Amino acid sequence: DYTQNNSPGTFGAWILCGSGSGSGSVYKELWYDDSCGNKKMYNYANECRLHNDGVGGAWVFSGTVLYHVNGTREHAVSPFPSNSRFVSDGKGGIWALCPEDGEVNYILKHVKINRQLELYQYPKTSRMYADGNGGVFVSCNVSG
């Protein structure tokens, strides 16, 4: 997995790669690569997901924990159900669509390092798409 750092004045990339050789790796290494070289930062479970935060850091969902990382620290922000879905807002935060009520409905949340807002409820089959300006579009089928 790879995500490019697109914040103004910085050029770099966050890269997730399997540790060691072969397919028996149990974790992935998160590296940061920029014009000064590359640096191994943290380790995460093999099934983790990586999202650019748009301001130089990244969001990593590993197991059931959402982390925010930058060049100097890793912060465990909050636990989420393992089948949660995420889309970066490109402005330092991330949108989350999380199961609720026995997975019949999902709740839309906007997450930043220091806060989490629960917003609206959507059907399980809903999908999220970043709007390119900090917001999110949610597509869902509703019967009425």
N, C-alpha and C. Protein backbone atom coordinates (compact mmCIF):
# COMPACT_ATOMS: atom_id res chain seq x y z
N ASP A 1 0.85 -1.18 0.00
CA ASP A 1 0.00 0.00 0.00
C ASP A 1 0.89 1.23 0.00
N TYR A 2 0.38 2.30 -0.59
CA TYR A 2 1.16 3.51 -0.77
C TYR A 2 0.21 4.70 -0.74
N THR A 3 0.61 5.77 -0.09
CA THR A 3 -0.15 7.01 -0.15
C THR A 3 0.83 8.17 -0.20
N GLN A 4 0.62 9.06 -1.16
CA GLN A 4 1.53 10.19 -1.35
C GLN A 4 1.14 11.33 -0.44
N ASN A 5 2.14 11.98 0.12
CA ASN A 5 1.93 13.17 0.94
C ASN A 5 1.71 14.34 0.00
N ASN A 6 0.51 14.93 0.04
CA ASN A 6 0.22 16.02 -0.88
C ASN A 6 0.01 17.35 -0.17
N SER A 7 0.54 17.49 1.04
CA SER A 7 0.38 18.76 1.73
C SER A 7 1.35 19.80 1.15
N PRO A 8 0.95 21.07 1.14
CA PRO A 8 1.80 22.11 0.55
C PRO A 8 3.17 22.20 1.22
N GLY A 9 4.21 22.27 0.40
CA GLY A 9 5.56 22.45 0.91
C GLY A 9 6.24 21.17 1.36
N THR A 10 5.56 20.05 1.28
CA THR A 10 6.18 18.78 1.68
C THR A 10 6.03 17.78 0.55
N PHE A 11 7.03 16.94 0.40
CA PHE A 11 7.01 15.94 -0.64
C PHE A 11 7.48 14.63 -0.02
N GLY A 12 6.60 13.68 0.02
CA GLY A 12 6.96 12.40 0.60
C GLY A 12 5.84 11.40 0.40
N ALA A 13 6.06 10.20 0.90
CA ALA A 13 5.08 9.14 0.76
C ALA A 13 5.12 8.22 1.97
N TRP A 14 3.96 7.74 2.35
CA TRP A 14 3.82 6.69 3.36
C TRP A 14 3.68 5.38 2.62
N ILE A 15 4.43 4.38 3.04
CA ILE A 15 4.45 3.10 2.34
C ILE A 15 4.28 1.97 3.36
N LEU A 16 3.33 1.08 3.10
CA LEU A 16 3.14 -0.12 3.92
C LEU A 16 3.69 -1.31 3.15
N CYS A 17 4.57 -2.07 3.75
CA CYS A 17 5.08 -3.24 3.07
C CYS A 17 5.23 -4.39 4.06
N GLY A 18 5.10 -5.61 3.55
CA GLY A 18 5.24 -6.80 4.39
C GLY A 18 6.63 -6.90 4.97
N SER A 19 6.72 -7.40 6.18
CA SER A 19 8.03 -7.56 6.82
C SER A 19 8.66 -8.86 6.37
N GLY A 20 9.95 -8.87 6.25
CA GLY A 20 10.67 -10.09 5.91
C GLY A 20 10.35 -10.56 4.50
N SER A 21 10.64 -11.81 4.25
CA SER A 21 10.40 -12.37 2.92
C SER A 21 9.33 -13.43 2.98
N GLY A 22 8.71 -13.69 1.86
CA GLY A 22 7.69 -14.72 1.78
C GLY A 22 6.32 -14.22 2.19
N SER A 23 5.34 -15.09 2.06
CA SER A 23 3.96 -14.70 2.34
C SER A 23 3.56 -14.98 3.79
N GLY A 24 4.49 -15.46 4.62
CA GLY A 24 4.17 -15.79 6.00
C GLY A 24 4.29 -14.62 6.96
N SER A 25 4.46 -13.42 6.44
CA SER A 25 4.61 -12.25 7.28
C SER A 25 3.36 -12.01 8.11
N VAL A 26 3.52 -11.70 9.38
CA VAL A 26 2.38 -11.47 10.26
C VAL A 26 2.12 -9.98 10.49
N TYR A 27 3.00 -9.11 10.02
CA TYR A 27 2.77 -7.69 10.17
C TYR A 27 3.34 -6.93 8.99
N LYS A 28 2.90 -5.68 8.84
CA LYS A 28 3.42 -4.79 7.82
C LYS A 28 4.19 -3.68 8.49
N GLU A 29 5.21 -3.20 7.80
CA GLU A 29 6.01 -2.08 8.28
C GLU A 29 5.55 -0.82 7.56
N LEU A 30 5.39 0.26 8.33
CA LEU A 30 5.05 1.55 7.75
C LEU A 30 6.33 2.37 7.64
N TRP A 31 6.62 2.80 6.43
CA TRP A 31 7.81 3.59 6.14
C TRP A 31 7.39 4.97 5.66
N TYR A 32 8.25 5.96 5.91
CA TYR A 32 8.05 7.28 5.32
C TYR A 32 9.24 7.56 4.43
N ASP A 33 8.98 8.00 3.21
CA ASP A 33 10.02 8.24 2.22
C ASP A 33 9.88 9.66 1.70
N ASP A 34 10.97 10.43 1.78
CA ASP A 34 10.98 11.78 1.22
C ASP A 34 12.34 12.07 0.60
N SER A 35 12.60 13.31 0.25
CA SER A 35 13.85 13.66 -0.43
C SER A 35 15.09 13.44 0.44
N CYS A 36 14.90 13.29 1.75
CA CYS A 36 16.02 13.04 2.66
C CYS A 36 16.31 11.55 2.83
N GLY A 37 15.48 10.71 2.29
CA GLY A 37 15.65 9.27 2.42
C GLY A 37 14.39 8.61 2.95
N ASN A 38 14.53 7.36 3.40
CA ASN A 38 13.36 6.69 3.95
C ASN A 38 13.64 6.25 5.37
N LYS A 39 12.54 6.06 6.12
CA LYS A 39 12.67 5.71 7.53
C LYS A 39 11.54 4.77 7.91
N LYS A 40 11.90 3.65 8.53
CA LYS A 40 10.89 2.74 9.05
C LYS A 40 10.29 3.37 10.29
N MET A 41 8.96 3.44 10.33
CA MET A 41 8.29 4.14 11.42
C MET A 41 7.63 3.18 12.42
N TYR A 42 6.67 2.36 11.98
CA TYR A 42 5.87 1.55 12.89
C TYR A 42 5.50 0.22 12.25
N ASN A 43 5.02 -0.71 13.07
CA ASN A 43 4.54 -2.01 12.60
C ASN A 43 3.04 -2.12 12.87
N TYR A 44 2.33 -2.76 11.93
CA TYR A 44 0.88 -2.96 12.07
C TYR A 44 0.51 -4.37 11.63
N ALA A 45 -0.69 -4.78 12.02
CA ALA A 45 -1.19 -6.09 11.61
C ALA A 45 -1.24 -6.18 10.09
N ASN A 46 -1.09 -7.38 9.57
CA ASN A 46 -1.02 -7.60 8.13
C ASN A 46 -2.23 -7.06 7.38
N GLU A 47 -3.41 -7.09 7.98
CA GLU A 47 -4.63 -6.66 7.29
C GLU A 47 -4.94 -5.18 7.46
N CYS A 48 -3.96 -4.37 7.85
CA CYS A 48 -4.19 -2.94 8.08
C CYS A 48 -4.48 -2.20 6.77
N ARG A 49 -5.08 -1.02 6.92
CA ARG A 49 -5.40 -0.16 5.78
C ARG A 49 -4.79 1.21 6.01
N LEU A 50 -4.31 1.83 4.93
CA LEU A 50 -3.58 3.09 4.99
C LEU A 50 -4.35 4.17 4.24
N HIS A 51 -4.47 5.38 4.85
CA HIS A 51 -5.13 6.52 4.22
C HIS A 51 -4.30 7.78 4.47
N ASN A 52 -4.06 8.56 3.44
CA ASN A 52 -3.35 9.83 3.55
C ASN A 52 -4.23 10.82 4.31
N ASP A 53 -3.63 11.65 5.17
CA ASP A 53 -4.45 12.65 5.87
C ASP A 53 -4.47 13.99 5.13
N GLY A 54 -3.64 14.15 4.10
CA GLY A 54 -3.64 15.37 3.31
C GLY A 54 -2.80 16.51 3.87
N VAL A 55 -2.26 16.34 5.07
CA VAL A 55 -1.45 17.41 5.68
C VAL A 55 -0.10 16.89 6.18
N GLY A 56 0.39 15.80 5.58
CA GLY A 56 1.72 15.29 5.93
C GLY A 56 1.73 14.01 6.73
N GLY A 57 0.61 13.62 7.30
CA GLY A 57 0.54 12.39 8.08
C GLY A 57 -0.30 11.34 7.38
N ALA A 58 -0.66 10.33 8.13
CA ALA A 58 -1.48 9.25 7.57
C ALA A 58 -2.35 8.65 8.67
N TRP A 59 -3.42 8.01 8.24
CA TRP A 59 -4.30 7.24 9.11
C TRP A 59 -4.07 5.76 8.80
N VAL A 60 -3.96 4.95 9.85
CA VAL A 60 -3.80 3.51 9.68
C VAL A 60 -4.86 2.82 10.53
N PHE A 61 -5.65 1.96 9.88
CA PHE A 61 -6.63 1.16 10.61
C PHE A 61 -6.07 -0.25 10.70
N SER A 62 -5.78 -0.68 11.93
CA SER A 62 -5.14 -1.97 12.16
C SER A 62 -5.91 -2.74 13.22
N GLY A 63 -6.40 -3.92 12.86
CA GLY A 63 -7.22 -4.69 13.79
C GLY A 63 -8.52 -3.98 14.04
N THR A 64 -8.65 -3.38 15.21
CA THR A 64 -9.84 -2.60 15.52
C THR A 64 -9.47 -1.20 16.04
N VAL A 65 -8.25 -0.76 15.77
CA VAL A 65 -7.80 0.54 16.26
C VAL A 65 -7.42 1.44 15.08
N LEU A 66 -7.88 2.69 15.15
CA LEU A 66 -7.51 3.70 14.17
C LEU A 66 -6.37 4.53 14.75
N TYR A 67 -5.26 4.59 14.01
CA TYR A 67 -4.08 5.35 14.42
C TYR A 67 -3.89 6.54 13.50
N HIS A 68 -3.32 7.61 14.06
CA HIS A 68 -2.84 8.71 13.24
C HIS A 68 -1.34 8.78 13.45
N VAL A 69 -0.60 8.91 12.34
CA VAL A 69 0.86 8.97 12.41
C VAL A 69 1.37 10.20 11.65
N ASN A 70 2.50 10.68 12.09
CA ASN A 70 3.24 11.69 11.33
C ASN A 70 4.71 11.35 11.49
N GLY A 71 5.59 12.23 11.12
CA GLY A 71 7.02 11.94 11.16
C GLY A 71 7.61 11.79 12.55
N THR A 72 6.88 12.15 13.59
CA THR A 72 7.44 12.11 14.94
C THR A 72 6.66 11.26 15.94
N ARG A 73 5.42 10.88 15.62
CA ARG A 73 4.67 10.13 16.62
C ARG A 73 3.54 9.31 16.01
N GLU A 74 3.09 8.34 16.80
CA GLU A 74 1.94 7.50 16.48
C GLU A 74 0.92 7.71 17.60
N HIS A 75 -0.33 7.95 17.23
CA HIS A 75 -1.37 8.18 18.22
C HIS A 75 -2.54 7.24 17.96
N ALA A 76 -2.85 6.38 18.93
CA ALA A 76 -4.04 5.52 18.83
C ALA A 76 -5.24 6.39 19.12
N VAL A 77 -6.04 6.68 18.11
CA VAL A 77 -7.14 7.63 18.23
C VAL A 77 -8.37 7.01 18.86
N SER A 78 -8.79 5.85 18.33
CA SER A 78 -10.05 5.29 18.82
C SER A 78 -10.22 3.86 18.30
N PRO A 79 -10.92 3.03 19.07
CA PRO A 79 -11.28 1.71 18.53
C PRO A 79 -12.50 1.83 17.61
N PHE A 80 -12.55 0.98 16.60
CA PHE A 80 -13.67 0.90 15.67
C PHE A 80 -13.93 -0.57 15.36
N PRO A 81 -15.17 -0.93 15.02
CA PRO A 81 -15.43 -2.31 14.59
C PRO A 81 -14.56 -2.65 13.38
N SER A 82 -14.17 -3.90 13.27
CA SER A 82 -13.23 -4.31 12.22
C SER A 82 -13.77 -4.12 10.81
N ASN A 83 -15.08 -4.08 10.63
CA ASN A 83 -15.65 -3.90 9.29
C ASN A 83 -16.04 -2.45 9.00
N SER A 84 -15.45 -1.52 9.72
CA SER A 84 -15.65 -0.09 9.46
C SER A 84 -14.98 0.28 8.14
N ARG A 85 -15.52 1.32 7.51
CA ARG A 85 -14.95 1.82 6.25
C ARG A 85 -14.49 3.26 6.46
N PHE A 86 -13.41 3.64 5.76
CA PHE A 86 -12.80 4.95 5.97
C PHE A 86 -12.49 5.65 4.65
N VAL A 87 -12.59 6.99 4.67
CA VAL A 87 -12.21 7.84 3.55
C VAL A 87 -11.57 9.09 4.15
N SER A 88 -10.39 9.45 3.67
CA SER A 88 -9.71 10.66 4.16
C SER A 88 -10.47 11.91 3.76
N ASP A 89 -10.44 12.92 4.64
CA ASP A 89 -11.05 14.20 4.26
C ASP A 89 -10.02 15.11 3.58
N GLY A 90 -8.75 14.70 3.56
CA GLY A 90 -7.70 15.47 2.90
C GLY A 90 -7.27 16.71 3.65
N LYS A 91 -7.83 16.93 4.85
CA LYS A 91 -7.52 18.12 5.65
C LYS A 91 -7.11 17.74 7.06
N GLY A 92 -6.58 16.54 7.24
CA GLY A 92 -6.10 16.09 8.54
C GLY A 92 -7.03 15.12 9.25
N GLY A 93 -8.27 15.02 8.79
CA GLY A 93 -9.24 14.12 9.42
C GLY A 93 -9.58 12.94 8.54
N ILE A 94 -10.53 12.15 9.01
CA ILE A 94 -10.97 10.98 8.25
C ILE A 94 -12.45 10.75 8.52
N TRP A 95 -13.16 10.30 7.50
CA TRP A 95 -14.57 9.93 7.62
C TRP A 95 -14.64 8.44 7.87
N ALA A 96 -15.54 8.04 8.77
CA ALA A 96 -15.72 6.62 9.10
C ALA A 96 -17.19 6.26 8.98
N LEU A 97 -17.45 5.11 8.42
CA LEU A 97 -18.80 4.54 8.36
C LEU A 97 -18.73 3.24 9.13
N CYS A 98 -19.40 3.21 10.30
CA CYS A 98 -19.23 2.12 11.27
C CYS A 98 -20.54 1.40 11.56
N PRO A 99 -20.49 0.08 11.71
CA PRO A 99 -21.71 -0.67 12.02
C PRO A 99 -22.28 -0.31 13.38
N GLU A 100 -23.59 -0.37 13.43
CA GLU A 100 -24.33 -0.09 14.66
C GLU A 100 -25.61 -0.91 14.61
N ASP A 101 -26.23 -1.18 15.73
CA ASP A 101 -27.50 -1.92 15.77
C ASP A 101 -27.40 -3.29 15.11
N GLY A 102 -26.39 -4.06 15.48
CA GLY A 102 -26.24 -5.39 14.89
C GLY A 102 -25.96 -5.37 13.41
N GLU A 103 -25.31 -4.33 12.93
CA GLU A 103 -24.88 -4.15 11.55
C GLU A 103 -26.02 -3.89 10.57
N VAL A 104 -27.22 -3.61 11.04
CA VAL A 104 -28.30 -3.24 10.13
C VAL A 104 -28.06 -1.83 9.60
N ASN A 105 -27.64 -0.95 10.48
CA ASN A 105 -27.36 0.43 10.12
C ASN A 105 -25.91 0.77 10.42
N TYR A 106 -25.39 1.72 9.65
CA TYR A 106 -24.04 2.23 9.89
C TYR A 106 -24.16 3.70 10.27
N ILE A 107 -23.22 4.16 11.11
CA ILE A 107 -23.21 5.55 11.54
C ILE A 107 -22.02 6.26 10.89
N LEU A 108 -22.26 7.45 10.36
CA LEU A 108 -21.20 8.25 9.76
C LEU A 108 -20.54 9.08 10.85
N LYS A 109 -19.21 9.01 10.93
CA LYS A 109 -18.45 9.78 11.91
C LYS A 109 -17.36 10.58 11.20
N HIS A 110 -17.08 11.76 11.73
CA HIS A 110 -15.93 12.52 11.26
C HIS A 110 -14.92 12.52 12.40
N VAL A 111 -13.72 12.03 12.13
CA VAL A 111 -12.71 11.81 13.16
C VAL A 111 -11.51 12.71 12.91
N LYS A 112 -11.07 13.36 13.96
CA LYS A 112 -9.80 14.09 13.99
C LYS A 112 -9.03 13.54 15.19
N ILE A 113 -7.79 13.93 15.34
CA ILE A 113 -6.96 13.39 16.41
C ILE A 113 -7.60 13.61 17.78
N ASN A 114 -8.20 14.77 17.99
CA ASN A 114 -8.69 15.12 19.32
C ASN A 114 -10.21 15.11 19.46
N ARG A 115 -10.93 14.64 18.43
CA ARG A 115 -12.38 14.59 18.56
C ARG A 115 -13.00 13.62 17.55
N GLN A 116 -14.25 13.27 17.83
CA GLN A 116 -14.99 12.36 16.97
C GLN A 116 -16.45 12.78 16.99
N LEU A 117 -17.00 13.12 15.83
CA LEU A 117 -18.39 13.53 15.74
C LEU A 117 -19.23 12.43 15.10
N GLU A 118 -20.29 12.01 15.77
CA GLU A 118 -21.25 11.08 15.18
C GLU A 118 -22.30 11.91 14.47
N LEU A 119 -22.54 11.62 13.18
CA LEU A 119 -23.41 12.49 12.40
C LEU A 119 -24.73 11.83 11.99
N TYR A 120 -24.72 10.92 11.05
CA TYR A 120 -25.96 10.39 10.50
C TYR A 120 -25.91 8.87 10.41
N GLN A 121 -27.08 8.29 10.27
CA GLN A 121 -27.21 6.84 10.15
C GLN A 121 -27.53 6.50 8.69
N TYR A 122 -26.88 5.43 8.18
CA TYR A 122 -27.08 5.01 6.80
C TYR A 122 -27.25 3.49 6.75
N PRO A 123 -27.87 2.98 5.66
CA PRO A 123 -27.98 1.53 5.49
C PRO A 123 -26.59 0.89 5.34
N LYS A 124 -26.51 -0.38 5.68
CA LYS A 124 -25.25 -1.13 5.64
C LYS A 124 -24.58 -1.09 4.27
N THR A 125 -25.34 -1.04 3.21
CA THR A 125 -24.79 -1.10 1.85
C THR A 125 -24.27 0.23 1.35
N SER A 126 -24.31 1.27 2.16
CA SER A 126 -23.87 2.61 1.75
C SER A 126 -22.37 2.63 1.44
N ARG A 127 -21.99 3.54 0.56
CA ARG A 127 -20.59 3.74 0.18
C ARG A 127 -20.24 5.22 0.36
N MET A 128 -18.96 5.48 0.69
CA MET A 128 -18.48 6.84 0.87
C MET A 128 -17.49 7.21 -0.23
N TYR A 129 -17.51 8.50 -0.60
CA TYR A 129 -16.58 9.03 -1.58
C TYR A 129 -16.15 10.42 -1.12
N ALA A 130 -14.85 10.67 -1.09
CA ALA A 130 -14.34 11.98 -0.71
C ALA A 130 -14.78 13.01 -1.74
N ASP A 131 -15.12 14.22 -1.28
CA ASP A 131 -15.55 15.26 -2.21
C ASP A 131 -14.39 16.14 -2.66
N GLY A 132 -13.17 15.90 -2.14
CA GLY A 132 -12.00 16.67 -2.54
C GLY A 132 -11.86 18.00 -1.82
N ASN A 133 -12.77 18.29 -0.89
CA ASN A 133 -12.71 19.56 -0.18
C ASN A 133 -13.03 19.40 1.31
N GLY A 134 -12.70 18.24 1.87
CA GLY A 134 -12.91 17.99 3.29
C GLY A 134 -14.21 17.29 3.63
N GLY A 135 -15.11 17.21 2.68
CA GLY A 135 -16.40 16.57 2.92
C GLY A 135 -16.45 15.16 2.36
N VAL A 136 -17.64 14.59 2.40
CA VAL A 136 -17.82 13.23 1.92
C VAL A 136 -19.21 13.11 1.29
N PHE A 137 -19.28 12.33 0.23
CA PHE A 137 -20.57 11.95 -0.35
C PHE A 137 -20.88 10.55 0.13
N VAL A 138 -22.12 10.30 0.51
CA VAL A 138 -22.55 8.96 0.90
C VAL A 138 -23.62 8.53 -0.08
N SER A 139 -23.39 7.40 -0.73
CA SER A 139 -24.33 6.85 -1.70
C SER A 139 -25.03 5.67 -1.05
N CYS A 140 -26.36 5.69 -1.09
CA CYS A 140 -27.10 4.57 -0.50
C CYS A 140 -28.42 4.38 -1.21
N ASN A 141 -28.92 3.15 -1.20
CA ASN A 141 -30.23 2.83 -1.72
C ASN A 141 -31.23 2.85 -0.57
N VAL A 142 -32.30 3.53 -0.76
CA VAL A 142 -33.36 3.54 0.25
C VAL A 142 -34.66 3.12 -0.41
N SER A 143 -35.41 2.31 0.28
CA SER A 143 -36.70 1.91 -0.26
C SER A 143 -37.78 2.64 0.51
N GLY A 144 -38.81 3.02 -0.14
CA GLY A 144 -39.81 3.80 0.55
C GLY A 144 -41.11 3.59 0.02
